[in-house]
């Protein structure tokens, strides 16, 4: 690639000829504000916020779309550039609802932050606003077009990250809005409910459906026993909502905060993850031994489940029938825990704290009901948990570290913790399956080939003399080639892990929103890497790192379930799937 020499703000810079002004400036540590730009995803120049002055150019140019050239002289904060940028933001604000005080994105809105940085105290463009649409009919995602700036980040994320294209621009001119096809609801299209559009939206146009009030109501009901469980990825990101560094694990403070919120029991979904490995590992061995449907897909990610039901229904037999960890633990709480504690299951309210918006739709699946009861009653995202803690006046950063409740479901292994990262489910399964097949305690439990943020990872694994190929992928755009191979009957794999969000649950749609400046800029180790490291560090710190070594898991099978794959285990811990219609358009 050729090198060009240019000046940005009178600083001499070298850049690849393939770069834009924005990329060259970012590499040089010069910040140019953006709204529509999202690295590797969206580069439309539609927001006109990254306007810069280029010497001898007749007009201001958008830095995200203008390529660098030899001898170019760029001024990012000249009077002319700042005035153009300010006009662009004022125009966006003129069509914005501006209910900042009650908006869930208040103080975390990129448009609001830009208005503050540019010193905008009033707007000079007032008039009619584009007619707004409000869609809160799906279980997980809320759309409010009165806050949309038509940046297309959500549209391109759905297309390029998930390969779906659920969203697009509807209508023309002043009436243009962002919407699912025919401006229908998220509930009526083939949406994964993954929430990647939400965490990439710069404003409050897309948010998760908030269920905090439902949880508060249960906490204040004296007849209800309210039990909470937290997914592994939550501990790796929750601290960000309280100003702590990215990648700072807050496991102990999180348990302490939940206890102070008034939950009757505080459990870790990691126990459910260990339980999932027992059932899923047994299912894999059964399929390999008795000629079952292979390759087997993991089934922990509800966004992935929605995707395959919509897009590849012919591949449903390849899915593991094991429920996801929090659904398994919910089923255990309303059966085994209820029996042991002599509590009516109908008087138990289970809350799951999840990094995932799709979990909100998962708990509504009728296939996941146990004995007429839902396994989990409410799901709060990591962001919602932070809001709950703040609502209850808890000084999170001042809390002491506390443990989860130890009874019945209090223990977990390191294998369970890494469920939150892409490749973690596969590595956890391999640890248990290999130990069982080899018949001796596993000396080396680390399967490094499963780790990392690549779109697809693969490895050949020796299981007591039998060699199998495994594959790991996250995001549906990355998964599609693997699915096409399985569909064509050419896949060499025995076991495939699929996660709906790129990087896995650490980057779930319910996690703290990372600003585009961090996503687009140079952070050193990326936010996904930092969150992932927090999980692998906790895995290393655990005395037991193989799910089948969990003593409480062993006791659960001995005292209640019998064995993995037993009739009772099938009833409580397994589920089924069915094809779904892609579109439901109503008049």
Protein backbone atom coordinates (compact mmCIF):
# COMPACT_ATOMS: atom_id res chain seq x y z
CA UNK A 1 0.00 0.00 0.00
CA UNK A 2 1.40 3.39 -0.96
CA UNK A 3 2.18 5.96 1.71
CA UNK A 4 1.00 9.56 1.42
CA UNK A 5 2.16 12.61 3.36
CA UNK A 6 -0.32 15.17 4.61
CA UNK A 7 -0.83 17.72 7.36
CA UNK A 8 -3.66 17.71 9.86
CA UNK A 9 -3.82 20.84 12.00
CA UNK A 10 -0.30 21.67 10.78
CA UNK A 11 1.04 18.33 12.04
CA UNK A 12 2.95 16.20 9.52
CA UNK A 13 1.32 12.78 9.16
CA UNK A 14 1.99 9.67 7.12
CA UNK A 15 -0.96 7.50 6.13
CA UNK A 16 -1.83 4.63 3.79
CA UNK A 17 -3.31 5.85 0.55
CA UNK A 18 -6.39 3.69 1.23
CA UNK A 19 -7.27 5.67 4.36
CA UNK A 20 -9.85 8.38 4.82
CA UNK A 21 -9.08 11.64 6.61
CA UNK A 22 -10.92 10.29 9.66
CA UNK A 23 -8.83 7.12 9.78
CA UNK A 24 -5.58 9.00 9.34
CA UNK A 25 -6.51 11.49 12.05
CA UNK A 26 -7.58 8.74 14.45
CA UNK A 27 -4.29 6.90 13.94
CA UNK A 28 -2.46 10.14 14.73
CA UNK A 29 -4.43 10.64 17.94
CA UNK A 30 -6.51 13.51 16.55
CA UNK A 31 -10.21 13.29 17.38
CA UNK A 32 -12.78 14.24 14.78
CA UNK A 33 -16.33 13.83 16.17
CA UNK A 34 -18.73 11.53 14.32
CA UNK A 35 -22.28 10.27 14.65
CA UNK A 36 -23.08 8.07 11.67
CA UNK A 37 -19.62 6.52 11.31
CA UNK A 38 -19.03 3.09 12.84
CA UNK A 39 -15.74 1.41 12.05
CA UNK A 40 -16.06 -1.51 9.60
CA UNK A 41 -19.85 -1.15 9.67
CA UNK A 42 -21.13 2.25 8.54
CA UNK A 43 -19.47 5.01 6.54
CA UNK A 44 -22.24 7.02 4.91
CA UNK A 45 -21.28 10.58 5.81
CA UNK A 46 -24.98 11.30 6.29
CA UNK A 47 -24.78 13.11 9.63
CA UNK A 48 -22.25 15.72 8.38
CA UNK A 49 -20.75 15.96 11.87
CA UNK A 50 -17.20 15.03 10.84
CA UNK A 51 -16.91 18.04 8.51
CA UNK A 52 -13.35 19.33 8.09
CA UNK A 53 -11.75 22.11 6.10
CA UNK A 54 -9.31 21.02 3.41
CA UNK A 55 -7.06 23.65 1.88
CA UNK A 56 -8.15 24.64 -1.64
CA UNK A 57 -11.43 22.66 -1.36
CA UNK A 58 -14.49 24.75 -2.23
CA UNK A 59 -16.65 23.29 0.53
CA UNK A 60 -16.27 21.45 3.82
CA UNK A 61 -15.72 17.70 3.39
CA UNK A 62 -16.86 14.74 5.49
CA UNK A 63 -13.76 13.18 7.02
CA UNK A 64 -15.24 9.67 7.09
CA UNK A 65 -15.71 9.49 3.31
CA UNK A 66 -12.89 11.66 1.93
CA UNK A 67 -9.70 9.77 1.06
CA UNK A 68 -6.32 11.21 1.95
CA UNK A 69 -4.02 12.43 -0.82
CA UNK A 70 -0.40 13.52 -1.13
CA UNK A 71 0.19 17.02 0.18
CA UNK A 72 -3.31 17.43 1.58
CA UNK A 73 -3.72 20.01 4.36
CA UNK A 74 -6.63 19.41 6.73
CA UNK A 75 -8.02 21.60 9.51
CA UNK A 76 -10.36 19.76 11.86
CA UNK A 77 -11.27 22.62 14.20
CA UNK A 78 -10.98 25.77 12.14
CA UNK A 79 -13.68 28.41 12.58
CA UNK A 80 -15.28 27.29 9.33
CA UNK A 81 -15.20 23.58 10.28
CA UNK A 82 -16.63 24.23 13.74
CA UNK A 83 -19.42 26.39 12.33
CA UNK A 84 -20.36 23.72 9.77
CA UNK A 85 -20.27 21.01 12.43
CA UNK A 86 -22.41 23.09 14.78
CA UNK A 87 -24.97 23.73 12.03
CA UNK A 88 -25.17 19.97 11.34
CA UNK A 89 -25.85 19.17 15.00
CA UNK A 90 -28.39 21.99 15.30
CA UNK A 91 -30.24 20.64 12.26
CA UNK A 92 -30.36 17.19 13.85
CA UNK A 93 -31.62 18.67 17.12
CA UNK A 94 -34.35 20.58 15.29
CA UNK A 95 -36.01 17.27 14.38
CA UNK A 96 -35.30 15.62 17.74
CA UNK A 97 -37.75 15.16 20.63
CA UNK A 98 -35.23 16.58 23.16
CA UNK A 99 -36.89 14.90 26.18
CA UNK A 100 -33.38 14.33 27.54
CA UNK A 101 -34.26 14.35 31.25
CA UNK A 102 -36.57 11.35 30.91
CA UNK A 103 -34.66 9.55 28.15
CA UNK A 104 -32.93 6.30 29.11
CA UNK A 105 -29.84 7.47 27.21
CA UNK A 106 -29.54 10.74 29.16
CA UNK A 107 -25.82 11.49 29.70
CA UNK A 108 -24.93 8.54 27.48
CA UNK A 109 -26.29 9.96 24.25
CA UNK A 110 -23.74 10.83 21.57
CA UNK A 111 -25.94 13.59 20.13
CA UNK A 112 -26.34 15.15 23.56
CA UNK A 113 -22.59 14.92 24.19
CA UNK A 114 -21.82 16.61 20.86
CA UNK A 115 -24.26 19.44 21.57
CA UNK A 116 -22.51 19.97 24.88
CA UNK A 117 -19.03 19.91 23.34
CA UNK A 118 -20.01 22.38 20.63
CA UNK A 119 -21.61 24.73 23.12
CA UNK A 120 -25.09 24.53 21.62
CA UNK A 121 -27.47 26.23 24.04
CA UNK A 122 -30.29 26.93 21.62
CA UNK A 123 -31.21 25.80 18.14
CA UNK A 124 -31.81 28.22 15.29
CA UNK A 125 -33.79 25.80 13.16
CA UNK A 126 -37.26 25.35 14.59
CA UNK A 127 -40.29 24.05 12.74
CA UNK A 128 -42.30 20.99 11.87
CA UNK A 129 -40.90 17.62 12.95
CA UNK A 130 -41.03 14.33 11.05
CA UNK A 131 -44.11 12.31 12.16
CA UNK A 132 -42.90 9.90 14.86
CA UNK A 133 -43.49 6.18 15.32
CA UNK A 134 -43.30 4.39 18.66
CA UNK A 135 -43.02 0.59 18.64
CA UNK A 136 -42.93 -1.31 21.94
CA UNK A 137 -44.73 -4.46 20.85
CA UNK A 138 -41.77 -6.86 20.86
CA UNK A 139 -40.57 -8.47 24.06
CA UNK A 140 -37.14 -6.88 23.93
CA UNK A 141 -36.66 -3.81 21.70
CA UNK A 142 -38.40 -0.42 21.73
CA UNK A 143 -38.22 1.93 18.71
CA UNK A 144 -38.87 5.68 18.99
CA UNK A 145 -38.29 7.47 15.69
CA UNK A 146 -38.66 10.89 17.33
CA UNK A 147 -35.10 10.35 18.60
CA UNK A 148 -33.71 8.88 15.38
CA UNK A 149 -31.10 10.87 13.43
CA UNK A 150 -31.18 8.55 10.37
CA UNK A 151 -27.50 7.70 10.81
CA UNK A 152 -28.14 4.13 9.54
CA UNK A 153 -25.82 2.56 12.12
CA UNK A 154 -28.59 0.16 13.18
CA UNK A 155 -29.41 -0.67 9.55
CA UNK A 156 -25.84 -1.53 8.63
CA UNK A 157 -25.24 -3.40 11.88
CA UNK A 158 -28.21 -5.67 11.14
CA UNK A 159 -27.01 -6.21 7.57
CA UNK A 160 -23.28 -6.58 8.07
CA UNK A 161 -23.01 -8.07 11.57
CA UNK A 162 -26.07 -10.32 11.50
CA UNK A 163 -26.60 -10.66 7.76
CA UNK A 164 -30.31 -10.01 8.13
CA UNK A 165 -31.33 -6.55 7.00
CA UNK A 166 -34.44 -6.35 9.18
CA UNK A 167 -34.19 -2.54 9.24
CA UNK A 168 -34.24 0.02 6.48
CA UNK A 169 -35.29 3.56 5.61
CA UNK A 170 -39.02 3.91 4.94
CA UNK A 171 -40.70 6.76 3.02
CA UNK A 172 -38.87 9.61 1.34
CA UNK A 173 -37.77 13.16 2.03
CA UNK A 174 -38.95 14.79 5.24
CA UNK A 175 -41.09 11.75 6.09
CA UNK A 176 -38.15 9.31 6.08
CA UNK A 177 -37.93 7.05 9.15
CA UNK A 178 -35.92 4.02 10.23
CA UNK A 179 -38.14 0.95 10.51
CA UNK A 180 -38.59 -2.76 9.90
CA UNK A 181 -40.09 -3.59 6.51
CA UNK A 182 -43.39 -1.77 5.79
CA UNK A 183 -42.92 0.13 9.07
CA UNK A 184 -44.23 -2.84 11.01
CA UNK A 185 -43.15 -3.81 14.53
CA UNK A 186 -39.99 -5.62 15.57
CA UNK A 187 -42.43 -8.24 16.84
CA UNK A 188 -43.63 -9.05 13.33
CA UNK A 189 -40.37 -9.63 11.45
CA UNK A 190 -37.46 -12.05 11.53
CA UNK A 191 -35.61 -10.04 14.18
CA UNK A 192 -33.16 -11.91 16.42
CA UNK A 193 -33.84 -9.46 19.28
CA UNK A 194 -30.07 -9.56 19.80
CA UNK A 195 -29.88 -5.84 20.51
CA UNK A 196 -26.77 -5.15 18.43
CA UNK A 197 -28.76 -2.34 16.82
CA UNK A 198 -29.43 -0.96 20.31
CA UNK A 199 -25.82 -0.85 21.49
CA UNK A 200 -24.78 0.77 18.20
CA UNK A 201 -27.52 3.43 18.22
CA UNK A 202 -26.04 6.84 19.15
CA UNK A 203 -29.29 8.13 20.71
CA UNK A 204 -32.39 6.76 22.43
CA UNK A 205 -34.11 5.77 19.18
CA UNK A 206 -33.57 2.09 20.01
CA UNK A 207 -33.61 0.80 23.59
CA UNK A 208 -34.39 -2.37 25.50
CA UNK A 209 -37.87 -2.81 26.94
CA UNK A 210 -37.46 -1.95 30.60
CA UNK A 211 -38.78 -4.42 33.20
CA UNK A 212 -37.45 -2.76 36.36
CA UNK A 213 -40.94 -1.85 37.63
CA UNK A 214 -42.04 -5.48 37.36
CA UNK A 215 -39.08 -6.56 39.50
CA UNK A 216 -39.61 -3.78 42.06
CA UNK A 217 -43.26 -4.82 42.37
CA UNK A 218 -42.22 -8.42 43.08
CA UNK A 219 -39.61 -7.28 45.63
CA UNK A 220 -42.33 -5.38 47.48
CA UNK A 221 -44.82 -8.28 47.47
CA UNK A 222 -44.60 -9.96 50.90
CA UNK A 223 -46.06 -13.19 49.51
CA UNK A 224 -43.39 -13.63 46.85
CA UNK A 225 -39.99 -15.24 47.27
CA UNK A 226 -37.84 -13.31 44.81
CA UNK A 227 -34.69 -15.07 43.61
CA UNK A 228 -32.10 -13.49 41.36
CA UNK A 229 -29.37 -15.03 39.20
CA UNK A 230 -26.61 -13.30 37.25
CA UNK A 231 -24.98 -14.36 33.98
CA UNK A 232 -21.17 -14.62 33.82
CA UNK A 233 -20.69 -11.75 31.35
CA UNK A 234 -22.48 -9.26 33.61
CA UNK A 235 -19.65 -9.19 36.18
CA UNK A 236 -17.19 -8.23 33.45
CA UNK A 237 -19.07 -5.08 32.40
CA UNK A 238 -21.39 -3.87 35.21
CA UNK A 239 -18.62 -1.78 36.77
CA UNK A 240 -18.49 0.38 33.65
CA UNK A 241 -21.91 1.77 34.61
CA UNK A 242 -20.34 3.06 37.84
CA UNK A 243 -17.22 4.57 36.34
CA UNK A 244 -14.92 1.61 36.93
CA UNK A 245 -12.36 0.63 34.26
CA UNK A 246 -13.35 -1.67 31.41
CA UNK A 247 -12.53 -5.27 32.24
CA UNK A 248 -12.82 -4.77 36.00
CA UNK A 249 -14.69 -7.81 37.36
CA UNK A 250 -17.20 -6.82 40.05
CA UNK A 251 -18.50 -10.25 41.07
CA UNK A 252 -18.44 -9.61 44.82
CA UNK A 253 -19.88 -6.10 44.69
CA UNK A 254 -22.64 -7.28 42.37
CA UNK A 255 -23.69 -10.01 44.81
CA UNK A 256 -23.63 -7.47 47.66
CA UNK A 257 -25.72 -4.97 45.68
CA UNK A 258 -28.36 -7.56 44.77
CA UNK A 259 -28.65 -8.58 48.41
CA UNK A 260 -29.20 -4.95 49.41
CA UNK A 261 -31.88 -4.60 46.74
CA UNK A 262 -33.89 -7.12 48.78
CA UNK A 263 -33.67 -10.35 46.80
CA UNK A 264 -34.35 -13.38 49.00
CA UNK A 265 -31.65 -15.48 47.33
CA UNK A 266 -28.73 -14.38 45.18
CA UNK A 267 -27.42 -17.09 42.86
CA UNK A 268 -24.96 -17.24 40.01
CA UNK A 269 -26.11 -18.47 36.60
CA UNK A 270 -22.71 -20.16 36.47
CA UNK A 271 -24.28 -23.06 38.34
CA UNK A 272 -26.75 -23.31 35.46
CA UNK A 273 -23.83 -23.18 33.02
CA UNK A 274 -22.17 -26.17 34.73
CA UNK A 275 -25.53 -27.94 34.56
CA UNK A 276 -25.85 -27.09 30.87
CA UNK A 277 -22.47 -28.69 30.17
CA UNK A 278 -23.58 -31.89 31.88
CA UNK A 279 -26.70 -32.13 29.73
CA UNK A 280 -25.21 -30.82 26.50
CA UNK A 281 -22.06 -32.92 26.88
CA UNK A 282 -24.15 -36.03 27.46
CA UNK A 283 -26.26 -35.20 24.43
CA UNK A 284 -23.14 -34.83 22.27
CA UNK A 285 -21.79 -38.19 23.44
CA UNK A 286 -25.15 -39.83 22.75
CA UNK A 287 -25.23 -38.43 19.22
CA UNK A 288 -21.64 -39.45 18.49
CA UNK A 289 -22.10 -42.93 19.97
CA UNK A 290 -25.51 -43.75 18.54
CA UNK A 291 -25.41 -41.98 15.20
CA UNK A 292 -27.46 -38.91 16.09
CA UNK A 293 -27.80 -35.75 14.03
CA UNK A 294 -24.36 -34.16 13.60
CA UNK A 295 -22.86 -31.66 13.74
CA UNK A 296 -24.56 -30.60 16.94
CA UNK A 297 -25.09 -26.87 17.48
CA UNK A 298 -25.00 -25.22 20.90
CA UNK A 299 -28.28 -23.74 22.11
CA UNK A 300 -27.30 -21.17 24.76
CA UNK A 301 -27.86 -18.02 22.68
CA UNK A 302 -31.56 -17.10 22.25
CA UNK A 303 -30.74 -14.68 19.42
CA UNK A 304 -29.12 -17.55 17.52
CA UNK A 305 -32.15 -19.74 18.27
CA UNK A 306 -34.48 -17.11 16.79
CA UNK A 307 -32.21 -16.82 13.75
CA UNK A 308 -32.15 -20.53 12.94
CA UNK A 309 -35.91 -20.88 13.47
CA UNK A 310 -36.49 -18.05 10.96
CA UNK A 311 -33.67 -18.56 8.47
CA UNK A 312 -32.60 -22.24 8.60
CA UNK A 313 -35.54 -24.25 9.97
CA UNK A 314 -34.33 -27.34 8.09
CA UNK A 315 -31.29 -27.38 10.41
CA UNK A 316 -33.27 -27.42 13.68
CA UNK A 317 -32.52 -31.13 14.33
CA UNK A 318 -28.86 -30.16 14.67
CA UNK A 319 -29.58 -27.96 17.69
CA UNK A 320 -28.87 -29.27 21.16
CA UNK A 321 -32.16 -29.55 23.03
CA UNK A 322 -30.53 -28.28 26.24
CA UNK A 323 -32.06 -25.10 27.62
CA UNK A 324 -29.80 -22.13 28.20
CA UNK A 325 -28.14 -21.88 31.66
CA UNK A 326 -30.50 -19.33 33.21
CA UNK A 327 -33.56 -21.26 32.05
CA UNK A 328 -32.13 -24.45 33.54
CA UNK A 329 -31.45 -22.75 36.85
CA UNK A 330 -34.92 -21.19 36.81
CA UNK A 331 -36.43 -24.65 36.32
CA UNK A 332 -34.33 -26.03 39.19
CA UNK A 333 -35.39 -23.20 41.50
CA UNK A 334 -39.08 -23.79 40.81
CA UNK A 335 -38.76 -27.56 41.25
CA UNK A 336 -35.88 -28.83 43.41
CA UNK A 337 -35.33 -25.62 45.41
CA UNK A 338 -39.07 -25.20 45.98
CA UNK A 339 -39.40 -28.78 47.26
CA UNK A 340 -36.38 -28.53 49.53
CA UNK A 341 -37.57 -25.26 51.03
CA UNK A 342 -41.29 -26.12 51.10
CA UNK A 343 -42.21 -23.08 48.99
CA UNK A 344 -45.09 -23.01 46.52
CA UNK A 345 -43.47 -22.60 43.06
CA UNK A 346 -46.28 -20.21 42.15
CA UNK A 347 -44.99 -17.91 44.89
CA UNK A 348 -41.45 -17.84 43.51
CA UNK A 349 -40.42 -14.99 41.22
CA UNK A 350 -37.14 -15.64 39.37
CA UNK A 351 -35.19 -12.71 37.96
CA UNK A 352 -32.29 -13.19 35.55
CA UNK A 353 -29.66 -10.48 35.12
CA UNK A 354 -28.42 -10.95 31.57
CA UNK A 355 -26.08 -9.25 29.08
CA UNK A 356 -28.65 -10.08 26.41
CA UNK A 357 -31.88 -8.46 25.23
CA UNK A 358 -32.97 -11.67 23.46
CA UNK A 359 -33.32 -13.32 26.88
CA UNK A 360 -36.45 -11.20 27.33
CA UNK A 361 -38.09 -13.04 24.44
CA UNK A 362 -36.61 -16.40 25.47
CA UNK A 363 -38.53 -16.48 28.77
CA UNK A 364 -41.76 -16.08 26.79
CA UNK A 365 -41.20 -19.26 24.77
CA UNK A 366 -43.96 -21.76 25.63
CA UNK A 367 -41.46 -24.58 24.99
CA UNK A 368 -39.53 -23.41 28.05
CA UNK A 369 -42.36 -23.68 30.53
CA UNK A 370 -42.04 -26.34 33.22
CA UNK A 371 -45.20 -27.86 34.70
CA UNK A 372 -47.26 -24.91 33.58
CA UNK A 373 -44.90 -22.35 35.12
CA UNK A 374 -42.42 -20.12 33.37
CA UNK A 375 -38.83 -20.94 34.27
CA UNK A 376 -37.91 -17.27 34.63
CA UNK A 377 -40.33 -14.44 35.38
CA UNK A 378 -38.29 -11.37 34.39
CA UNK A 379 -35.03 -10.48 32.70
CA UNK A 380 -33.05 -7.33 33.42
CA UNK A 381 -30.11 -6.37 31.24
CA UNK A 382 -26.79 -5.29 32.73
CA UNK A 383 -27.84 -1.68 32.08
CA UNK A 384 -31.16 -2.19 33.84
CA UNK A 385 -29.42 -3.71 36.86
CA UNK A 386 -27.24 -0.60 37.11
CA UNK A 387 -30.36 1.58 37.02
CA UNK A 388 -32.01 -0.57 39.70
CA UNK A 389 -28.97 -0.27 41.98
CA UNK A 390 -28.93 3.51 41.52
CA UNK A 391 -32.70 3.68 42.09
CA UNK A 392 -32.22 1.95 45.44
CA UNK A 393 -29.57 4.48 46.48
CA UNK A 394 -26.78 1.92 46.77
CA UNK A 395 -23.20 3.23 46.62
CA UNK A 396 -21.93 0.43 44.42
CA UNK A 397 -18.23 1.28 44.48
CA UNK A 398 -18.22 1.42 48.29
CA UNK A 399 -19.71 -2.06 48.76
CA UNK A 400 -17.69 -4.90 50.26
CA UNK A 401 -17.23 -8.04 48.19
CA UNK A 402 -19.73 -10.74 49.15
CA UNK A 403 -20.34 -14.30 47.97
CA UNK A 404 -23.42 -15.72 46.33
CA UNK A 405 -25.74 -17.72 48.57
CA UNK A 406 -24.08 -21.10 49.10
CA UNK A 407 -27.10 -23.39 49.46
CA UNK A 408 -27.94 -25.84 46.66
CA UNK A 409 -26.86 -23.70 43.69
CA UNK A 410 -24.02 -21.65 45.16
CA UNK A 411 -20.97 -23.31 43.68
CA UNK A 412 -19.58 -23.12 40.18
CA UNK A 413 -16.43 -23.97 38.25
CA UNK A 414 -14.15 -21.89 36.09
CA UNK A 415 -15.64 -23.59 33.04
CA UNK A 416 -18.96 -21.91 33.76
CA UNK A 417 -17.48 -18.41 33.97
CA UNK A 418 -16.11 -18.46 30.43
CA UNK A 419 -19.59 -19.08 28.98
CA UNK A 420 -19.72 -15.30 28.58
CA UNK A 421 -17.03 -15.23 25.88
CA UNK A 422 -17.14 -16.63 22.36
CA UNK A 423 -15.61 -20.12 22.55
CA UNK A 424 -16.30 -20.47 26.26
CA UNK A 425 -19.19 -22.90 25.88
CA UNK A 426 -17.12 -25.08 23.56
CA UNK A 427 -14.10 -25.05 25.87
CA UNK A 428 -16.25 -25.84 28.91
CA UNK A 429 -17.88 -28.75 27.06
CA UNK A 430 -14.53 -30.13 25.87
CA UNK A 431 -13.16 -30.08 29.40
CA UNK A 432 -15.96 -32.25 30.73
CA UNK A 433 -16.38 -34.53 27.69
CA UNK A 434 -12.65 -35.22 27.38
CA UNK A 435 -12.29 -35.93 31.11
CA UNK A 436 -15.22 -38.34 31.01
CA UNK A 437 -14.03 -40.16 27.90
CA UNK A 438 -10.38 -40.33 28.99
CA UNK A 439 -11.45 -41.64 32.38
CA UNK A 440 -8.81 -39.63 34.25
CA UNK A 441 -8.69 -36.16 35.76
CA UNK A 442 -7.86 -33.64 33.07
CA UNK A 443 -4.40 -32.20 33.67
CA UNK A 444 -4.51 -29.51 30.98
CA UNK A 445 -7.91 -27.84 30.99
CA UNK A 446 -7.08 -24.88 28.75
CA UNK A 447 -8.14 -25.22 25.11
CA UNK A 448 -6.52 -22.10 23.66
CA UNK A 449 -7.83 -22.81 20.15
CA UNK A 450 -11.31 -21.94 21.42
CA UNK A 451 -10.32 -18.43 22.47
CA UNK A 452 -10.21 -15.11 20.69
CA UNK A 453 -12.47 -12.81 18.70
CA UNK A 454 -12.05 -14.25 15.21
CA UNK A 455 -15.24 -14.70 13.22
CA UNK A 456 -14.68 -18.47 12.95
CA UNK A 457 -12.31 -20.61 15.01
CA UNK A 458 -11.73 -24.31 14.44
CA UNK A 459 -9.64 -27.12 15.90
CA UNK A 460 -9.18 -30.87 15.79
CA UNK A 461 -9.63 -32.43 19.22
CA UNK A 462 -8.62 -35.89 20.42
CA UNK A 463 -11.27 -37.50 22.63
CA UNK A 464 -9.72 -40.71 23.93
CA UNK A 465 -8.43 -41.71 20.51
CA UNK A 466 -11.37 -40.36 18.52
CA UNK A 467 -10.55 -37.18 16.66
CA UNK A 468 -13.29 -34.68 15.97
CA UNK A 469 -13.38 -31.23 14.41
CA UNK A 470 -15.03 -28.39 16.31
CA UNK A 471 -15.93 -24.88 15.15
CA UNK A 472 -16.80 -21.68 17.02
CA UNK A 473 -18.47 -18.61 15.58
CA UNK A 474 -20.26 -15.48 16.76
CA UNK A 475 -22.59 -13.17 14.82
CA UNK A 476 -24.78 -14.55 12.08
CA UNK A 477 -22.80 -13.05 9.22
CA UNK A 478 -19.82 -15.11 10.40
CA UNK A 479 -21.96 -18.18 11.08
CA UNK A 480 -23.70 -18.30 7.70
CA UNK A 481 -20.90 -20.07 5.74
CA UNK A 482 -20.82 -22.81 8.40
CA UNK A 483 -24.59 -23.18 8.21
CA UNK A 484 -24.48 -23.41 4.42
CA UNK A 485 -21.91 -26.23 4.70
CA UNK A 486 -24.16 -28.14 7.10
CA UNK A 487 -27.13 -27.54 4.81
CA UNK A 488 -25.15 -28.86 1.83
CA UNK A 489 -23.97 -31.91 3.77
CA UNK A 490 -20.30 -30.98 3.40
CA UNK A 491 -19.50 -29.96 6.98
CA UNK A 492 -16.54 -31.74 8.58
CA UNK A 493 -17.47 -30.66 12.09
CA UNK A 494 -18.94 -32.70 14.93
CA UNK A 495 -19.74 -29.84 17.31
CA UNK A 496 -20.31 -26.14 16.51
CA UNK A 497 -20.71 -23.31 19.00
CA UNK A 498 -22.80 -20.40 17.73
CA UNK A 499 -23.29 -17.13 19.62
CA UNK A 500 -25.61 -14.43 18.36
CA UNK A 501 -23.46 -11.42 19.25
CA UNK A 502 -19.93 -10.77 17.94
CA UNK A 503 -17.54 -11.81 20.70
CA UNK A 504 -20.28 -13.59 22.63
CA UNK A 505 -22.21 -12.39 25.68
CA UNK A 506 -19.48 -9.94 26.72
CA UNK A 507 -20.74 -7.85 23.78
CA UNK A 508 -24.42 -8.64 24.25
CA UNK A 509 -27.14 -6.15 23.41
CA UNK A 510 -27.86 -5.55 27.10
CA UNK A 511 -24.30 -4.67 28.10
CA UNK A 512 -23.10 -1.12 28.89
CA UNK A 513 -23.03 0.96 25.73
CA UNK A 514 -19.54 1.79 24.53
CA UNK A 515 -19.21 5.13 22.77
CA UNK A 516 -18.37 5.18 19.08
CA UNK A 517 -15.18 7.07 19.93
CA UNK A 518 -13.87 3.98 21.67
CA UNK A 519 -15.21 1.63 19.02
CA UNK A 520 -13.73 3.72 16.22
CA UNK A 521 -10.54 4.83 17.93
CA UNK A 522 -7.34 3.36 19.29
CA UNK A 523 -7.91 1.88 22.74
CA UNK A 524 -4.98 -0.53 22.86
CA UNK A 525 -6.76 -3.65 24.06
CA UNK A 526 -10.37 -3.41 22.85
CA UNK A 527 -13.35 -3.36 25.19
CA UNK A 528 -14.35 -6.89 24.16
CA UNK A 529 -10.84 -8.15 24.91
CA UNK A 530 -10.87 -6.49 28.32
CA UNK A 531 -14.23 -7.98 29.27
CA UNK A 532 -13.14 -11.37 27.98
CA UNK A 533 -9.94 -11.23 30.02
CA UNK A 534 -11.95 -10.61 33.18
CA UNK A 535 -13.77 -13.92 32.65
CA UNK A 536 -10.66 -15.97 31.87
CA UNK A 537 -8.91 -14.47 34.90
CA UNK A 538 -11.78 -15.64 37.13
CA UNK A 539 -11.66 -19.06 35.48
CA UNK A 540 -7.97 -19.31 36.41
CA UNK A 541 -8.72 -18.34 40.00
CA UNK A 542 -11.25 -21.13 40.58
CA UNK A 543 -10.12 -24.27 42.36
CA UNK A 544 -12.32 -26.43 40.11
CA UNK A 545 -12.35 -25.73 36.38
CA UNK A 546 -14.27 -28.72 34.96
CA UNK A 547 -18.07 -28.64 35.21
CA UNK A 548 -18.45 -32.31 36.16
CA UNK A 549 -16.21 -31.68 39.20
CA UNK A 550 -18.77 -29.31 40.74
CA UNK A 551 -19.81 -31.09 43.95
CA UNK A 552 -23.22 -29.43 44.08
CA UNK A 553 -23.89 -30.55 40.50
CA UNK A 554 -23.00 -34.10 41.53
CA UNK A 555 -25.37 -33.81 44.51
CA UNK A 556 -28.17 -32.47 42.29
CA UNK A 557 -28.00 -35.55 40.07
CA UNK A 558 -27.65 -37.91 43.02
CA UNK A 559 -30.54 -36.43 45.02
CA UNK A 560 -32.93 -35.23 42.32
CA UNK A 561 -32.23 -35.64 38.60
CA UNK A 562 -30.70 -39.12 38.59
CA UNK A 563 -28.28 -38.72 35.71
CA UNK A 564 -27.73 -36.49 32.66
CA UNK A 565 -30.40 -37.17 30.09
CA UNK A 566 -32.73 -38.87 32.58
CA UNK A 567 -36.47 -38.63 32.12
CA UNK A 568 -36.71 -35.90 34.76
CA UNK A 569 -33.74 -34.05 33.27
CA UNK A 570 -35.38 -34.18 29.85
CA UNK A 571 -38.60 -32.77 31.31
CA UNK A 572 -36.99 -29.90 33.21
CA UNK A 573 -33.79 -29.07 31.36
CA UNK A 574 -34.53 -29.65 27.68
CA UNK A 575 -36.72 -27.92 25.15
CA UNK A 576 -37.85 -28.04 21.52
CA UNK A 577 -37.85 -25.74 18.51
CA UNK A 578 -40.12 -24.95 15.58
CA UNK A 579 -39.92 -23.02 12.30
CA UNK A 580 -41.04 -19.39 12.47
CA UNK A 581 -42.63 -17.14 9.84
CA UNK A 582 -40.26 -14.44 8.60
CA UNK A 583 -42.88 -11.71 8.25
CA UNK A 584 -46.31 -11.08 9.70
CA UNK A 585 -47.68 -7.98 8.02
CA UNK A 586 -51.07 -6.82 9.20
CA UNK A 587 -53.41 -4.22 7.67
